[in-house]
Structure formats: C-alpha cells, structure tokens
C-alpha cells in the first residue's frame, strides 16, 4: 500500500508517518522539505501525484484569522485546495482520500469559536462530498477536536493549555476569568495518528468525529498542570471578569468501534509527558 501525506511537514504528519510505515510506503507532499512538491494554492492543472498511490491523507491547513486576507487564504487552502487535491486523486487513479478536518467544522454560527478556519473546513467537507458523489473516489472525513502533544510546535494552536502549564511550572497562582468553569475537549497527537492510520489501513469511509471520550473543565486542566509540574500553585476564579465560553463536544464512539481503538492518553498523562520533555531540554 502506498500513501501520500499532503501537508507532509505538519505536526500531525510527523506523528502519523511512523504509524503508517508499519504497513505502507509513505510519501510526503508539501511546499518544502517533502518527497513531492505540492502547494494547495496552485491551479488544479499543476497538481501531479506520484504513480501507484492508493490513498491520499490531507493534513494541510490554513488556520485563518480575522482579516479579509485570512478569509481568502483559509478558503483557498482548506476548501478549494482540498477539492483540487481530490480531483488530482481521480486523475491519477487514487482510490481514496482521507480529509483530516476539524470538529470546529460542525460549529453553529452563533458559537464564539466559529471563525474563518471553521467555515473553510466545513466548505472543504461539502465540496469533497459533492465531488466524491460524482466520481468513484472513496471519501473519509475525520473531525478531531483540539490536538495537543509534546513540543513547542503545539503552543501556537493551543496557547491556553500551554500557558496554564507555564504558570504551574513557575509556581504562579492560576486565575481563571469569570465564574463559568468552561469545558474543552483535547485529544493527544499520538491518539490522532493511530486513529488515522487505522482508518487508512481498513479503508473506512464516511464522516466521523474524532474527540476525547470526555470533556475537561478549565479547573481540571489547571489542576492537571499543577500536578504534572509538582507545583504549589493555587486555582481561583476572578468573577469580575467576563465568563469564558464552553467549547466541549459529545463523544461519538462509532468510529472507535469500527477501528477497535479508543483514545488512550488522558490529559493528565499528556501534560506529564510535556513536563518531562521540558525537563529534558528537548524542542
């Protein structure tokens, strides 16, 4: 089996590649330092996939932003780029595309977390469903929740989580704004990699959420950070500040039953691993 990873320099790709190599030949595709040069902003006719690829896993993403230029870039990479990649699959005889989307693609417009990234990921899913219906391309859409792991590379996307751990390691008291002990849902990068690898190996089709089995509240995250750091920090709420909104997701076990794998790394364990990494001085 030969699998091509689009977005081959992403954090998910770096974790996923070893999981795939146990059963497949793996090639990476991206703008730089990959086996195949590929930019999702290219015109469709420029896309060229290697011979003999059985499945493409799309990990490439633009994370959007508040400006008009961010809106356009997110749509161009996330939505239209995914569509052009699917078209390249059909032209090259690739039978399956796995779109690693985001749980945010299902957010409603009234969610405070609804943004250009969420909307463009939703558009990608809709374009791919339409295109797959008109071709023989098998489509899989996976919607992971907030991905974290060991290393500074994860801080950009989960700043709150790593800031809480920073505070705990310094011994600072952790002050949470408002009175709402808000919910979050984090899934460890290694669990995501194993889930995606099993989906590819078993050629699973369909759209599935890929979230932790339980949400965690901010106070639980803070307590886990304090425990991992061996800190004497305390936790309190500043009720004079605006409340922080919930952003939790109900776990759907359908996919996990299909692939016989459930997320295994608890947040407390993941934070402990990050503390160990920091103590070891690793990047």
C-alpha atoms as a PDB file:
ATOM      1  CA  UNK A   1       0.000   0.000   0.000  1.00  0.00           C
ATOM      2  CA  UNK A   2       1.317   3.471  -0.887  1.00  0.00           C
ATOM      3  CA  UNK A   3       0.010   6.531   0.957  1.00  0.00           C
ATOM      4  CA  UNK A   4       0.683  10.193   0.224  1.00  0.00           C
ATOM      5  CA  UNK A   5       0.511  12.715   3.081  1.00  0.00           C
ATOM      6  CA  UNK A   6      -0.436  16.202   1.877  1.00  0.00           C
ATOM      7  CA  UNK A   7       0.756  18.726   4.424  1.00  0.00           C
ATOM      8  CA  UNK A   8       3.753  16.490   4.981  1.00  0.00           C
ATOM      9  CA  UNK A   9       5.576  18.879   7.327  1.00  0.00           C
ATOM     10  CA  UNK A  10       2.645  19.349   9.699  1.00  0.00           C
ATOM     11  CA  UNK A  11       2.760  18.181  13.299  1.00  0.00           C
ATOM     12  CA  UNK A  12       0.120  15.561  12.564  1.00  0.00           C
ATOM     13  CA  UNK A  13       2.115  14.265   9.584  1.00  0.00           C
ATOM     14  CA  UNK A  14       5.235  13.886  11.722  1.00  0.00           C
ATOM     15  CA  UNK A  15       3.315  11.739  14.211  1.00  0.00           C
ATOM     16  CA  UNK A  16       1.320   9.871  11.572  1.00  0.00           C
ATOM     17  CA  UNK A  17       4.156   8.820   9.281  1.00  0.00           C
ATOM     18  CA  UNK A  18       5.672   6.253  11.691  1.00  0.00           C
ATOM     19  CA  UNK A  19       2.227   4.788  12.393  1.00  0.00           C
ATOM     20  CA  UNK A  20       1.623   4.300   8.669  1.00  0.00           C
ATOM     21  CA  UNK A  21       5.052   2.872   7.918  1.00  0.00           C
ATOM     22  CA  UNK A  22       4.215  -0.351   9.740  1.00  0.00           C
ATOM     23  CA  UNK A  23       2.007  -1.361   6.800  1.00  0.00           C
ATOM     24  CA  UNK A  24       2.519   1.119   3.954  1.00  0.00           C
ATOM     25  CA  UNK A  25       5.047   3.005   1.890  1.00  0.00           C
ATOM     26  CA  UNK A  26       4.642   6.644   2.862  1.00  0.00           C
ATOM     27  CA  UNK A  27       5.410   9.713   0.768  1.00  0.00           C
ATOM     28  CA  UNK A  28       5.052  13.300   1.926  1.00  0.00           C
ATOM     29  CA  UNK A  29       3.843  16.229  -0.151  1.00  0.00           C
ATOM     30  CA  UNK A  30       4.108  19.898   0.678  1.00  0.00           C
ATOM     31  CA  UNK A  31       5.633  23.237  -0.173  1.00  0.00           C
ATOM     32  CA  UNK A  32       9.104  22.353   1.130  1.00  0.00           C
ATOM     33  CA  UNK A  33      11.224  19.515   2.519  1.00  0.00           C
ATOM     34  CA  UNK A  34       8.872  16.787   1.268  1.00  0.00           C
ATOM     35  CA  UNK A  35       9.144  13.935  -1.211  1.00  0.00           C
ATOM     36  CA  UNK A  36       6.726  15.657  -3.587  1.00  0.00           C
ATOM     37  CA  UNK A  37       6.337  19.399  -4.113  1.00  0.00           C
ATOM     38  CA  UNK A  38       2.702  20.416  -3.703  1.00  0.00           C
ATOM     39  CA  UNK A  39       1.024  23.709  -2.871  1.00  0.00           C
ATOM     40  CA  UNK A  40      -2.745  23.662  -2.480  1.00  0.00           C
ATOM     41  CA  UNK A  41      -2.954  27.191  -3.879  1.00  0.00           C
ATOM     42  CA  UNK A  42      -1.637  26.009  -7.232  1.00  0.00           C
ATOM     43  CA  UNK A  43      -4.059  25.829 -10.175  1.00  0.00           C
ATOM     44  CA  UNK A  44      -5.655  22.392 -10.481  1.00  0.00           C
ATOM     45  CA  UNK A  45      -3.801  21.501 -13.688  1.00  0.00           C
ATOM     46  CA  UNK A  46      -0.454  21.796 -11.896  1.00  0.00           C
ATOM     47  CA  UNK A  47      -1.278  19.075  -9.353  1.00  0.00           C
ATOM     48  CA  UNK A  48       0.633  15.860 -10.156  1.00  0.00           C
ATOM     49  CA  UNK A  49       0.580  12.863  -7.829  1.00  0.00           C
ATOM     50  CA  UNK A  50       3.111  10.016  -7.936  1.00  0.00           C
ATOM     51  CA  UNK A  51       2.234   6.753  -9.665  1.00  0.00           C
ATOM     52  CA  UNK A  52       0.844   3.882  -7.646  1.00  0.00           C
ATOM     53  CA  UNK A  53      -0.617   5.851  -4.740  1.00  0.00           C
ATOM     54  CA  UNK A  54      -3.542   4.035  -3.117  1.00  0.00           C
ATOM     55  CA  UNK A  55      -4.699   6.744  -0.713  1.00  0.00           C
ATOM     56  CA  UNK A  56      -4.074  10.422  -0.023  1.00  0.00           C
ATOM     57  CA  UNK A  57      -4.392  11.810   3.502  1.00  0.00           C
ATOM     58  CA  UNK A  58      -4.901  15.572   3.509  1.00  0.00           C
ATOM     59  CA  UNK A  59      -3.380  17.197   6.590  1.00  0.00           C
ATOM     60  CA  UNK A  60      -2.693  20.600   5.056  1.00  0.00           C
ATOM     61  CA  UNK A  61      -4.497  23.536   6.641  1.00  0.00           C
ATOM     62  CA  UNK A  62      -4.602  27.295   6.857  1.00  0.00           C
ATOM     63  CA  UNK A  63      -5.744  28.411  10.290  1.00  0.00           C
ATOM     64  CA  UNK A  64      -7.445  31.580   9.156  1.00  0.00           C
ATOM     65  CA  UNK A  65      -7.646  34.826  11.053  1.00  0.00           C
ATOM     66  CA  UNK A  66      -9.792  37.940  11.411  1.00  0.00           C
ATOM     67  CA  UNK A  67      -8.711  39.856   8.302  1.00  0.00           C
ATOM     68  CA  UNK A  68     -10.034  39.673   4.748  1.00  0.00           C
ATOM     69  CA  UNK A  69      -6.731  38.224   3.547  1.00  0.00           C
ATOM     70  CA  UNK A  70      -7.056  35.471   6.170  1.00  0.00           C
ATOM     71  CA  UNK A  71     -10.586  34.654   4.975  1.00  0.00           C
ATOM     72  CA  UNK A  72      -9.425  34.309   1.388  1.00  0.00           C
ATOM     73  CA  UNK A  73      -6.337  32.263   2.266  1.00  0.00           C
ATOM     74  CA  UNK A  74      -8.294  29.862   4.505  1.00  0.00           C
ATOM     75  CA  UNK A  75     -10.875  29.251   1.788  1.00  0.00           C
ATOM     76  CA  UNK A  76      -8.245  28.866  -0.916  1.00  0.00           C
ATOM     77  CA  UNK A  77      -6.164  26.311   1.021  1.00  0.00           C
ATOM     78  CA  UNK A  78      -8.718  24.474   3.122  1.00  0.00           C
ATOM     79  CA  UNK A  79     -11.709  24.299   0.792  1.00  0.00           C
ATOM     80  CA  UNK A  80     -10.560  24.786  -2.796  1.00  0.00           C
ATOM     81  CA  UNK A  81      -7.194  23.158  -2.115  1.00  0.00           C
ATOM     82  CA  UNK A  82      -8.897  20.017  -0.831  1.00  0.00           C
ATOM     83  CA  UNK A  83     -11.176  19.968  -3.871  1.00  0.00           C
ATOM     84  CA  UNK A  84      -8.238  20.271  -6.273  1.00  0.00           C
ATOM     85  CA  UNK A  85      -6.422  17.520  -4.391  1.00  0.00           C
ATOM     86  CA  UNK A  86      -9.440  15.227  -4.757  1.00  0.00           C
ATOM     87  CA  UNK A  87      -9.536  15.986  -8.481  1.00  0.00           C
ATOM     88  CA  UNK A  88      -5.837  15.104  -8.724  1.00  0.00           C
ATOM     89  CA  UNK A  89      -6.609  11.801  -6.980  1.00  0.00           C
ATOM     90  CA  UNK A  90      -9.197  10.896  -9.610  1.00  0.00           C
ATOM     91  CA  UNK A  91      -6.891  11.898 -12.472  1.00  0.00           C
ATOM     92  CA  UNK A  92      -4.077   9.787 -11.002  1.00  0.00           C
ATOM     93  CA  UNK A  93      -6.190   6.729 -10.183  1.00  0.00           C
ATOM     94  CA  UNK A  94      -6.010   7.143  -6.396  1.00  0.00           C
ATOM     95  CA  UNK A  95      -8.983   5.335  -4.890  1.00  0.00           C
ATOM     96  CA  UNK A  96      -9.375   7.071  -1.510  1.00  0.00           C
ATOM     97  CA  UNK A  97      -8.864  10.461   0.095  1.00  0.00           C
ATOM     98  CA  UNK A  98      -8.890  10.948   3.858  1.00  0.00           C
ATOM     99  CA  UNK A  99      -9.685  14.539   4.783  1.00  0.00           C
ATOM    100  CA  UNK A 100      -8.483  15.434   8.280  1.00  0.00           C
ATOM    101  CA  UNK A 101     -10.947  18.202   9.027  1.00  0.00           C
ATOM    102  CA  UNK A 102     -11.826  19.687  12.423  1.00  0.00           C
ATOM    103  CA  UNK A 103     -14.597  19.300  14.966  1.00  0.00           C
ATOM    104  CA  UNK A 104     -14.993  23.072  14.521  1.00  0.00           C
ATOM    105  CA  UNK A 105     -16.436  22.407  11.053  1.00  0.00           C
ATOM    106  CA  UNK A 106     -19.676  21.486  12.801  1.00  0.00           C
ATOM    107  CA  UNK A 107     -19.958  24.656  14.891  1.00  0.00           C
ATOM    108  CA  UNK A 108     -23.059  26.790  14.531  1.00  0.00           C
ATOM    109  CA  UNK A 109     -22.791  30.420  13.500  1.00  0.00           C
ATOM    110  CA  UNK A 110     -23.678  31.630  16.993  1.00  0.00           C
ATOM    111  CA  UNK A 111     -20.677  29.868  18.550  1.00  0.00           C
ATOM    112  CA  UNK A 112     -17.970  32.277  19.793  1.00  0.00           C
ATOM    113  CA  UNK A 113     -15.454  29.858  18.245  1.00  0.00           C
ATOM    114  CA  UNK A 114     -16.999  29.997  14.763  1.00  0.00           C
ATOM    115  CA  UNK A 115     -14.404  31.620  12.508  1.00  0.00           C
ATOM    116  CA  UNK A 116     -12.792  31.548   9.079  1.00  0.00           C
ATOM    117  CA  UNK A 117     -10.985  28.302   9.860  1.00  0.00           C
ATOM    118  CA  UNK A 118     -14.181  26.537  10.939  1.00  0.00           C
ATOM    119  CA  UNK A 119     -16.145  27.815   7.944  1.00  0.00           C
ATOM    120  CA  UNK A 120     -13.475  26.904   5.395  1.00  0.00           C
ATOM    121  CA  UNK A 121     -13.153  23.413   6.880  1.00  0.00           C
ATOM    122  CA  UNK A 122     -16.921  22.989   6.553  1.00  0.00           C
ATOM    123  CA  UNK A 123     -16.777  24.144   2.951  1.00  0.00           C
ATOM    124  CA  UNK A 124     -14.000  21.617   2.284  1.00  0.00           C
ATOM    125  CA  UNK A 125     -16.199  18.811   3.557  1.00  0.00           C
ATOM    126  CA  UNK A 126     -19.123  19.944   1.408  1.00  0.00           C
ATOM    127  CA  UNK A 127     -17.025  20.252  -1.734  1.00  0.00           C
ATOM    128  CA  UNK A 128     -15.468  16.833  -1.177  1.00  0.00           C
ATOM    129  CA  UNK A 129     -18.838  15.161  -0.600  1.00  0.00           C
ATOM    130  CA  UNK A 130     -20.200  16.667  -3.798  1.00  0.00           C
ATOM    131  CA  UNK A 131     -17.130  15.681  -5.796  1.00  0.00           C
ATOM    132  CA  UNK A 132     -16.977  12.151  -4.376  1.00  0.00           C
ATOM    133  CA  UNK A 133     -20.627  11.551  -5.294  1.00  0.00           C
ATOM    134  CA  UNK A 134     -19.812  12.358  -8.909  1.00  0.00           C
ATOM    135  CA  UNK A 135     -16.736  10.102  -9.090  1.00  0.00           C
ATOM    136  CA  UNK A 136     -15.606   6.722  -7.795  1.00  0.00           C
ATOM    137  CA  UNK A 137     -13.381   8.337  -5.165  1.00  0.00           C
ATOM    138  CA  UNK A 138     -13.857   6.934  -1.660  1.00  0.00           C
ATOM    139  CA  UNK A 139     -14.063   9.725   0.896  1.00  0.00           C
ATOM    140  CA  UNK A 140     -13.309   9.715   4.592  1.00  0.00           C
ATOM    141  CA  UNK A 141     -13.723  12.826   6.752  1.00  0.00           C
ATOM    142  CA  UNK A 142     -12.274  12.845  10.260  1.00  0.00           C
ATOM    143  CA  UNK A 143     -13.067  15.665  12.682  1.00  0.00           C
ATOM    144  CA  UNK A 144     -10.534  15.744  15.528  1.00  0.00           C
ATOM    145  CA  UNK A 145     -11.041  18.058  18.469  1.00  0.00           C
ATOM    146  CA  UNK A 146      -8.227  20.253  19.808  1.00  0.00           C
ATOM    147  CA  UNK A 147      -4.945  18.416  19.207  1.00  0.00           C
ATOM    148  CA  UNK A 148      -2.069  18.737  21.652  1.00  0.00           C
ATOM    149  CA  UNK A 149       1.208  16.948  22.267  1.00  0.00           C
ATOM    150  CA  UNK A 150       4.792  17.358  23.357  1.00  0.00           C
ATOM    151  CA  UNK A 151       6.798  20.253  21.942  1.00  0.00           C
ATOM    152  CA  UNK A 152       6.590  23.972  21.386  1.00  0.00           C
ATOM    153  CA  UNK A 153       5.008  23.454  17.973  1.00  0.00           C
ATOM    154  CA  UNK A 154       1.658  22.767  19.645  1.00  0.00           C
ATOM    155  CA  UNK A 155       1.634  26.049  21.562  1.00  0.00           C
ATOM    156  CA  UNK A 156       0.536  28.072  18.535  1.00  0.00           C
ATOM    157  CA  UNK A 157      -2.771  26.229  18.269  1.00  0.00           C
ATOM    158  CA  UNK A 158      -3.436  25.545  21.957  1.00  0.00           C
ATOM    159  CA  UNK A 159      -1.967  28.623  23.706  1.00  0.00           C
ATOM    160  CA  UNK A 160      -4.262  28.427  26.732  1.00  0.00           C
ATOM    161  CA  UNK A 161      -3.245  24.855  27.552  1.00  0.00           C
ATOM    162  CA  UNK A 162       0.475  25.566  27.425  1.00  0.00           C
ATOM    163  CA  UNK A 163       0.116  28.891  29.236  1.00  0.00           C
ATOM    164  CA  UNK A 164      -1.555  27.092  32.160  1.00  0.00           C
ATOM    165  CA  UNK A 165       1.336  24.650  32.273  1.00  0.00           C
ATOM    166  CA  UNK A 166       3.815  27.551  32.151  1.00  0.00           C
ATOM    167  CA  UNK A 167       2.107  29.147  35.143  1.00  0.00           C
ATOM    168  CA  UNK A 168       2.115  25.901  37.087  1.00  0.00           C
ATOM    169  CA  UNK A 169       5.800  25.310  36.423  1.00  0.00           C
ATOM    170  CA  UNK A 170       6.633  28.829  37.625  1.00  0.00           C
ATOM    171  CA  UNK A 171       4.541  28.290  40.743  1.00  0.00           C
ATOM    172  CA  UNK A 172       2.225  31.155  39.854  1.00  0.00           C
ATOM    173  CA  UNK A 173      -1.354  31.072  41.044  1.00  0.00           C
ATOM    174  CA  UNK A 174      -3.737  30.280  38.196  1.00  0.00           C
ATOM    175  CA  UNK A 175      -6.557  32.778  37.800  1.00  0.00           C
ATOM    176  CA  UNK A 176      -9.471  31.802  35.546  1.00  0.00           C
ATOM    177  CA  UNK A 177     -11.665  34.587  34.261  1.00  0.00           C
ATOM    178  CA  UNK A 178     -15.359  34.712  35.135  1.00  0.00           C
ATOM    179  CA  UNK A 179     -17.429  32.206  37.062  1.00  0.00           C
ATOM    180  CA  UNK A 180     -18.018  29.616  34.330  1.00  0.00           C
ATOM    181  CA  UNK A 181     -15.741  26.610  34.647  1.00  0.00           C
ATOM    182  CA  UNK A 182     -15.699  26.186  30.879  1.00  0.00           C
ATOM    183  CA  UNK A 183     -15.413  22.862  29.068  1.00  0.00           C
ATOM    184  CA  UNK A 184     -12.823  21.911  26.475  1.00  0.00           C
ATOM    185  CA  UNK A 185     -12.028  18.730  24.546  1.00  0.00           C
ATOM    186  CA  UNK A 186      -8.396  17.824  23.874  1.00  0.00           C
ATOM    187  CA  UNK A 187      -7.069  14.773  22.054  1.00  0.00           C
ATOM    188  CA  UNK A 188      -3.412  13.754  22.063  1.00  0.00           C
ATOM    189  CA  UNK A 189      -1.494  13.732  18.787  1.00  0.00           C
ATOM    190  CA  UNK A 190      -0.496  10.080  19.199  1.00  0.00           C
ATOM    191  CA  UNK A 191      -4.125   9.017  19.528  1.00  0.00           C
ATOM    192  CA  UNK A 192      -4.993  11.012  16.407  1.00  0.00           C
ATOM    193  CA  UNK A 193      -2.135   9.370  14.491  1.00  0.00           C
ATOM    194  CA  UNK A 194      -3.242   5.866  15.478  1.00  0.00           C
ATOM    195  CA  UNK A 195      -6.859   6.600  14.565  1.00  0.00           C
ATOM    196  CA  UNK A 196      -5.956   7.995  11.128  1.00  0.00           C
ATOM    197  CA  UNK A 197      -3.600   5.081  10.442  1.00  0.00           C
ATOM    198  CA  UNK A 198      -6.286   2.516  11.270  1.00  0.00           C
ATOM    199  CA  UNK A 199      -8.815   4.348   9.103  1.00  0.00           C
ATOM    200  CA  UNK A 200      -6.396   4.276   6.161  1.00  0.00           C
ATOM    201  CA  UNK A 201      -5.463   0.640   6.659  1.00  0.00           C
ATOM    202  CA  UNK A 202      -9.080  -0.512   6.930  1.00  0.00           C
ATOM    203  CA  UNK A 203     -10.251   1.814   4.135  1.00  0.00           C
ATOM    204  CA  UNK A 204     -13.028   3.214   6.310  1.00  0.00           C
ATOM    205  CA  UNK A 205     -15.424   5.575   4.529  1.00  0.00           C
ATOM    206  CA  UNK A 206     -17.770   8.222   5.923  1.00  0.00           C
ATOM    207  CA  UNK A 207     -17.638  11.255   8.208  1.00  0.00           C
ATOM    208  CA  UNK A 208     -16.676  10.761  11.853  1.00  0.00           C
ATOM    209  CA  UNK A 209     -15.933  12.850  14.906  1.00  0.00           C
ATOM    210  CA  UNK A 210     -12.581  12.149  16.481  1.00  0.00           C
ATOM    211  CA  UNK A 211     -12.685  13.567  20.008  1.00  0.00           C
ATOM    212  CA  UNK A 212     -11.691  12.650  23.516  1.00  0.00           C
ATOM    213  CA  UNK A 213     -14.230  10.486  25.317  1.00  0.00           C
ATOM    214  CA  UNK A 214     -14.744  13.166  27.957  1.00  0.00           C
ATOM    215  CA  UNK A 215     -14.603  16.937  28.124  1.00  0.00           C
ATOM    216  CA  UNK A 216     -12.478  18.631  30.764  1.00  0.00           C
ATOM    217  CA  UNK A 217     -13.187  21.827  32.641  1.00  0.00           C
ATOM    218  CA  UNK A 218     -10.672  24.635  32.952  1.00  0.00           C
ATOM    219  CA  UNK A 219     -10.189  23.951  36.654  1.00  0.00           C
ATOM    220  CA  UNK A 220      -9.445  20.304  35.834  1.00  0.00           C
ATOM    221  CA  UNK A 221      -6.887  21.359  33.231  1.00  0.00           C
ATOM    222  CA  UNK A 222      -5.268  23.711  35.731  1.00  0.00           C
ATOM    223  CA  UNK A 223      -5.224  21.006  38.408  1.00  0.00           C
ATOM    224  CA  UNK A 224      -3.649  18.540  35.958  1.00  0.00           C
ATOM    225  CA  UNK A 225      -0.991  21.123  35.050  1.00  0.00           C
ATOM    226  CA  UNK A 226      -0.217  21.736  38.724  1.00  0.00           C
ATOM    227  CA  UNK A 227       0.051  18.017  39.400  1.00  0.00           C
ATOM    228  CA  UNK A 228       2.269  17.422  36.360  1.00  0.00           C
ATOM    229  CA  UNK A 229       4.566  20.269  37.372  1.00  0.00           C
ATOM    230  CA  UNK A 230       4.674  19.234  41.033  1.00  0.00           C
ATOM    231  CA  UNK A 231       3.684  22.813  41.796  1.00  0.00           C
ATOM    232  CA  UNK A 232       2.169  24.573  44.790  1.00  0.00           C
ATOM    233  CA  UNK A 233       0.090  26.886  42.586  1.00  0.00           C
ATOM    234  CA  UNK A 234      -3.498  27.527  43.576  1.00  0.00           C
ATOM    235  CA  UNK A 235      -6.558  27.983  41.354  1.00  0.00           C
ATOM    236  CA  UNK A 236      -9.158  30.713  41.693  1.00  0.00           C
ATOM    237  CA  UNK A 237     -11.807  32.410  39.587  1.00  0.00           C
ATOM    238  CA  UNK A 238     -11.882  36.170  39.012  1.00  0.00           C
ATOM    239  CA  UNK A 239     -15.640  36.663  38.885  1.00  0.00           C
ATOM    240  CA  UNK A 240     -15.207  40.319  37.972  1.00  0.00           C
ATOM    241  CA  UNK A 241     -14.010  39.277  34.511  1.00  0.00           C
ATOM    242  CA  UNK A 242     -16.273  38.053  31.672  1.00  0.00           C
ATOM    243  CA  UNK A 243     -17.066  34.361  31.618  1.00  0.00           C
ATOM    244  CA  UNK A 244     -15.117  32.031  29.337  1.00  0.00           C
ATOM    245  CA  UNK A 245     -17.382  30.156  26.925  1.00  0.00           C
ATOM    246  CA  UNK A 246     -17.769  26.396  26.827  1.00  0.00           C
ATOM    247  CA  UNK A 247     -16.362  24.531  23.835  1.00  0.00           C
ATOM    248  CA  UNK A 248     -16.930  20.876  24.660  1.00  0.00           C
ATOM    249  CA  UNK A 249     -18.110  18.106  22.359  1.00  0.00           C
ATOM    250  CA  UNK A 250     -20.068  14.938  23.000  1.00  0.00           C
ATOM    251  CA  UNK A 251     -18.103  11.809  22.186  1.00  0.00           C
ATOM    252  CA  UNK A 252     -19.467   9.629  19.383  1.00  0.00           C
ATOM    253  CA  UNK A 253     -17.907   6.179  19.644  1.00  0.00           C
ATOM    254  CA  UNK A 254     -18.993   4.981  16.185  1.00  0.00           C
ATOM    255  CA  UNK A 255     -15.563   5.328  14.605  1.00  0.00           C
ATOM    256  CA  UNK A 256     -13.757   3.882  17.602  1.00  0.00           C
ATOM    257  CA  UNK A 257     -15.886   0.760  17.489  1.00  0.00           C
ATOM    258  CA  UNK A 258     -15.215   0.369  13.766  1.00  0.00           C
ATOM    259  CA  UNK A 259     -11.442   0.539  14.123  1.00  0.00           C
ATOM    260  CA  UNK A 260     -11.267  -1.141  17.556  1.00  0.00           C
ATOM    261  CA  UNK A 261      -9.348   1.739  19.077  1.00  0.00           C
ATOM    262  CA  UNK A 262     -10.306   4.385  21.628  1.00  0.00           C
ATOM    263  CA  UNK A 263      -8.226   7.441  22.632  1.00  0.00           C
ATOM    264  CA  UNK A 264      -5.915   6.271  25.414  1.00  0.00           C
ATOM    265  CA  UNK A 265      -3.821   9.214  26.550  1.00  0.00           C
ATOM    266  CA  UNK A 266      -5.504  11.184  29.316  1.00  0.00           C
ATOM    267  CA  UNK A 267      -4.841  14.919  29.516  1.00  0.00           C
ATOM    268  CA  UNK A 268      -3.059  14.433  32.835  1.00  0.00           C
ATOM    269  CA  UNK A 269      -0.711  11.948  31.170  1.00  0.00           C
ATOM    270  CA  UNK A 270      -0.121  14.202  28.188  1.00  0.00           C
ATOM    271  CA  UNK A 271       0.784  17.162  30.402  1.00  0.00           C
ATOM    272  CA  UNK A 272       3.141  14.991  32.423  1.00  0.00           C
ATOM    273  CA  UNK A 273       4.878  13.980  29.201  1.00  0.00           C
ATOM    274  CA  UNK A 274       5.240  17.629  28.215  1.00  0.00           C
ATOM    275  CA  UNK A 275       6.778  18.442  31.613  1.00  0.00           C
ATOM    276  CA  UNK A 276       9.222  15.554  31.167  1.00  0.00           C
ATOM    277  CA  UNK A 277      10.136  16.883  27.719  1.00  0.00           C
ATOM    278  CA  UNK A 278      10.793  20.339  29.105  1.00  0.00           C
ATOM    279  CA  UNK A 279      12.960  18.988  31.882  1.00  0.00           C
ATOM    280  CA  UNK A 280      14.922  17.065  29.294  1.00  0.00           C
ATOM    281  CA  UNK A 281      15.510  20.235  27.306  1.00  0.00           C
ATOM    282  CA  UNK A 282      14.052  18.832  24.101  1.00  0.00           C
ATOM    283  CA  UNK A 283      12.471  21.021  21.414  1.00  0.00           C
END
